[in-house]
Amino acid sequence: MNKALHGKVHGRTIQLDEDPGVAEGQEVEVQMTVVEPKGTWGDGIRSSAGGWADHPELDAVLERIQHERKLERSPQMCDE
């Protein structure tokens, strides 16, 4: 039986994306082809950051969050 499967290498272990359909402990022969990444490192974060481009209120929201975080850490809140 020949079957093409995809997976990821973790040390000396290959974690397959699907069940290979063979019995536990069955000896197999593996032939690997390295799959090149579909982009360059950092593309994902660059594309996701653009999701906030149409939200002009973002700066105000982030400033409010920062302000609330400072209040949470303030020792004065315990005295109130």
N, C-alpha and C. Protein backbone atom coordinates (compact mmCIF):
# COMPACT_ATOMS: atom_id res chain seq x y z
N MET A 1 0.85 -1.18 0.00
CA MET A 1 0.00 0.00 0.00
C MET A 1 0.89 1.24 0.00
N ASN A 2 0.63 2.18 -0.89
CA ASN A 2 1.32 3.47 -0.92
C ASN A 2 0.29 4.55 -0.63
N LYS A 3 0.63 5.46 0.27
CA LYS A 3 -0.30 6.51 0.66
C LYS A 3 0.50 7.75 1.02
N ALA A 4 0.12 8.90 0.50
CA ALA A 4 0.79 10.16 0.82
C ALA A 4 0.08 10.80 2.01
N LEU A 5 0.82 11.08 3.07
CA LEU A 5 0.29 11.72 4.26
C LEU A 5 1.12 12.95 4.58
N HIS A 6 0.53 13.88 5.29
CA HIS A 6 1.23 15.08 5.72
C HIS A 6 1.36 15.05 7.23
N GLY A 7 2.39 15.67 7.73
CA GLY A 7 2.60 15.73 9.17
C GLY A 7 3.70 16.70 9.51
N LYS A 8 4.07 16.74 10.78
CA LYS A 8 5.13 17.63 11.26
C LYS A 8 6.13 16.82 12.07
N VAL A 9 7.39 17.17 11.92
CA VAL A 9 8.48 16.49 12.62
C VAL A 9 8.68 17.14 13.99
N HIS A 10 8.76 16.31 15.01
CA HIS A 10 9.06 16.74 16.38
C HIS A 10 10.18 15.84 16.88
N GLY A 11 11.41 16.29 16.71
CA GLY A 11 12.54 15.45 17.07
C GLY A 11 12.60 14.24 16.14
N ARG A 12 12.54 13.04 16.72
CA ARG A 12 12.56 11.82 15.91
C ARG A 12 11.16 11.28 15.66
N THR A 13 10.14 12.06 15.99
CA THR A 13 8.75 11.64 15.82
C THR A 13 8.11 12.48 14.73
N ILE A 14 7.28 11.84 13.90
CA ILE A 14 6.50 12.55 12.89
C ILE A 14 5.04 12.44 13.29
N GLN A 15 4.40 13.58 13.57
CA GLN A 15 2.99 13.60 13.94
C GLN A 15 2.18 13.80 12.67
N LEU A 16 1.39 12.79 12.31
CA LEU A 16 0.61 12.82 11.07
C LEU A 16 -0.69 13.58 11.26
N ASP A 17 -1.15 14.22 10.19
CA ASP A 17 -2.40 14.97 10.22
C ASP A 17 -3.62 14.06 10.21
N GLU A 18 -3.46 12.80 9.84
CA GLU A 18 -4.58 11.86 9.79
C GLU A 18 -4.09 10.46 10.15
N ASP A 19 -5.03 9.60 10.42
CA ASP A 19 -4.72 8.21 10.75
C ASP A 19 -4.14 7.52 9.52
N PRO A 20 -2.97 6.88 9.66
CA PRO A 20 -2.37 6.23 8.49
C PRO A 20 -3.10 4.96 8.06
N GLY A 21 -3.94 4.41 8.92
CA GLY A 21 -4.70 3.23 8.56
C GLY A 21 -3.91 1.94 8.59
N VAL A 22 -2.90 1.85 9.45
CA VAL A 22 -2.13 0.62 9.60
C VAL A 22 -2.19 0.20 11.07
N ALA A 23 -1.92 -1.05 11.32
CA ALA A 23 -1.98 -1.58 12.68
C ALA A 23 -0.89 -0.97 13.55
N GLU A 24 -1.19 -0.82 14.84
CA GLU A 24 -0.21 -0.34 15.82
C GLU A 24 1.00 -1.27 15.81
N GLY A 25 2.19 -0.72 15.72
CA GLY A 25 3.42 -1.49 15.72
C GLY A 25 3.84 -2.02 14.35
N GLN A 26 3.02 -1.75 13.35
CA GLN A 26 3.36 -2.21 11.99
C GLN A 26 4.61 -1.48 11.50
N GLU A 27 5.54 -2.21 10.97
CA GLU A 27 6.75 -1.60 10.42
C GLU A 27 6.40 -0.97 9.07
N VAL A 28 6.90 0.24 8.84
CA VAL A 28 6.65 0.96 7.59
C VAL A 28 7.95 1.56 7.09
N GLU A 29 7.98 1.92 5.84
CA GLU A 29 9.11 2.63 5.27
C GLU A 29 8.62 4.04 4.94
N VAL A 30 9.40 5.04 5.33
CA VAL A 30 8.99 6.43 5.17
C VAL A 30 9.91 7.11 4.18
N GLN A 31 9.30 7.82 3.24
CA GLN A 31 10.06 8.64 2.30
C GLN A 31 9.55 10.06 2.48
N MET A 32 10.45 10.97 2.81
CA MET A 32 10.02 12.34 3.15
C MET A 32 10.29 13.31 2.02
N THR A 33 9.38 14.27 1.89
CA THR A 33 9.58 15.43 1.03
C THR A 33 9.30 16.65 1.90
N VAL A 34 10.25 17.55 2.02
CA VAL A 34 10.09 18.73 2.86
C VAL A 34 9.15 19.71 2.15
N VAL A 35 8.14 20.18 2.87
CA VAL A 35 7.18 21.15 2.34
C VAL A 35 7.66 22.53 2.73
N GLU A 36 7.91 23.37 1.76
CA GLU A 36 8.38 24.73 2.03
C GLU A 36 7.23 25.58 2.57
N PRO A 37 7.53 26.50 3.49
CA PRO A 37 6.48 27.38 4.01
C PRO A 37 5.86 28.22 2.91
N LYS A 38 4.59 28.58 3.11
CA LYS A 38 3.86 29.33 2.09
C LYS A 38 4.03 30.83 2.19
N GLY A 39 4.95 31.29 2.93
CA GLY A 39 5.20 32.72 3.08
C GLY A 39 6.49 32.92 3.85
N THR A 40 6.80 34.16 4.10
CA THR A 40 8.00 34.43 4.88
C THR A 40 7.59 34.70 6.32
N TRP A 41 8.54 34.52 7.22
CA TRP A 41 8.27 34.72 8.62
C TRP A 41 7.79 36.15 8.85
N GLY A 42 6.71 36.30 9.61
CA GLY A 42 6.17 37.61 9.94
C GLY A 42 5.01 38.03 9.06
N ASP A 43 4.75 37.33 7.96
CA ASP A 43 3.64 37.70 7.07
C ASP A 43 2.30 37.67 7.80
N GLY A 44 2.12 36.68 8.65
CA GLY A 44 0.85 36.53 9.36
C GLY A 44 0.55 37.72 10.25
N ILE A 45 1.53 38.16 11.03
CA ILE A 45 1.28 39.29 11.93
C ILE A 45 1.09 40.58 11.14
N ARG A 46 1.83 40.72 10.04
CA ARG A 46 1.66 41.92 9.23
C ARG A 46 0.26 41.98 8.61
N SER A 47 -0.24 40.85 8.14
CA SER A 47 -1.57 40.87 7.54
C SER A 47 -2.66 41.03 8.59
N SER A 48 -2.48 40.47 9.78
CA SER A 48 -3.51 40.60 10.81
C SER A 48 -3.53 42.01 11.40
N ALA A 49 -2.43 42.69 11.43
CA ALA A 49 -2.38 44.04 11.97
C ALA A 49 -3.21 45.00 11.12
N GLY A 50 -3.35 44.73 9.87
CA GLY A 50 -4.15 45.58 9.00
C GLY A 50 -5.63 45.55 9.32
N GLY A 51 -6.07 44.59 10.11
CA GLY A 51 -7.47 44.49 10.49
C GLY A 51 -7.95 45.67 11.32
N TRP A 52 -7.06 46.39 11.95
CA TRP A 52 -7.44 47.54 12.77
C TRP A 52 -7.35 48.86 12.02
N ALA A 53 -7.00 48.81 10.74
CA ALA A 53 -6.78 50.05 9.98
C ALA A 53 -8.02 50.92 9.89
N ASP A 54 -9.22 50.33 9.87
CA ASP A 54 -10.45 51.11 9.72
C ASP A 54 -11.12 51.41 11.05
N HIS A 55 -10.37 51.39 12.13
CA HIS A 55 -10.92 51.67 13.46
C HIS A 55 -10.21 52.88 14.06
N PRO A 56 -10.68 54.10 13.73
CA PRO A 56 -10.00 55.30 14.23
C PRO A 56 -10.04 55.42 15.75
N GLU A 57 -11.01 54.72 16.40
CA GLU A 57 -11.11 54.80 17.86
C GLU A 57 -10.11 53.90 18.57
N LEU A 58 -9.30 53.16 17.84
CA LEU A 58 -8.39 52.20 18.44
C LEU A 58 -7.42 52.86 19.43
N ASP A 59 -6.87 54.00 19.10
CA ASP A 59 -5.94 54.66 20.02
C ASP A 59 -6.60 54.96 21.36
N ALA A 60 -7.84 55.45 21.32
CA ALA A 60 -8.55 55.76 22.56
C ALA A 60 -8.83 54.49 23.36
N VAL A 61 -9.19 53.42 22.70
CA VAL A 61 -9.46 52.15 23.38
C VAL A 61 -8.19 51.64 24.05
N LEU A 62 -7.07 51.67 23.34
CA LEU A 62 -5.81 51.20 23.92
C LEU A 62 -5.36 52.07 25.09
N GLU A 63 -5.57 53.36 24.99
CA GLU A 63 -5.21 54.26 26.09
C GLU A 63 -6.07 53.96 27.32
N ARG A 64 -7.39 53.68 27.13
CA ARG A 64 -8.27 53.36 28.24
C ARG A 64 -7.83 52.05 28.91
N ILE A 65 -7.46 51.06 28.11
CA ILE A 65 -6.99 49.79 28.65
C ILE A 65 -5.73 49.99 29.48
N GLN A 66 -4.80 50.78 28.95
CA GLN A 66 -3.55 51.06 29.67
C GLN A 66 -3.85 51.76 30.99
N HIS A 67 -4.76 52.72 30.95
CA HIS A 67 -5.13 53.46 32.16
C HIS A 67 -5.75 52.52 33.20
N GLU A 68 -6.65 51.62 32.75
CA GLU A 68 -7.29 50.67 33.66
C GLU A 68 -6.27 49.71 34.27
N ARG A 69 -5.28 49.32 33.49
CA ARG A 69 -4.25 48.43 34.02
C ARG A 69 -3.43 49.12 35.11
N LYS A 70 -3.14 50.40 34.89
CA LYS A 70 -2.40 51.14 35.91
C LYS A 70 -3.21 51.24 37.20
N LEU A 71 -4.53 51.45 37.08
CA LEU A 71 -5.37 51.53 38.27
C LEU A 71 -5.41 50.20 39.02
N GLU A 72 -5.45 49.08 38.28
CA GLU A 72 -5.49 47.76 38.90
C GLU A 72 -4.23 47.49 39.73
N ARG A 73 -3.11 48.04 39.30
CA ARG A 73 -1.84 47.80 39.98
C ARG A 73 -1.56 48.83 41.07
N SER A 74 -2.38 49.84 41.13
CA SER A 74 -2.14 50.92 42.07
C SER A 74 -2.45 50.48 43.51
N PRO A 75 -1.55 50.72 44.47
CA PRO A 75 -1.80 50.36 45.85
C PRO A 75 -2.91 51.22 46.48
N GLN A 76 -3.23 52.38 45.89
CA GLN A 76 -4.26 53.26 46.42
C GLN A 76 -5.63 52.61 46.33
N MET A 77 -5.86 51.70 45.41
CA MET A 77 -7.17 51.08 45.26
C MET A 77 -7.53 50.28 46.51
N CYS A 78 -6.56 49.77 47.22
CA CYS A 78 -6.83 48.99 48.42
C CYS A 78 -7.34 49.89 49.54
N ASP A 79 -6.97 51.18 49.55
CA ASP A 79 -7.36 52.11 50.58
C ASP A 79 -8.76 52.66 50.36
N GLU A 80 -9.29 52.57 49.16
CA GLU A 80 -10.58 53.19 48.84
C GLU A 80 -11.73 52.40 49.41
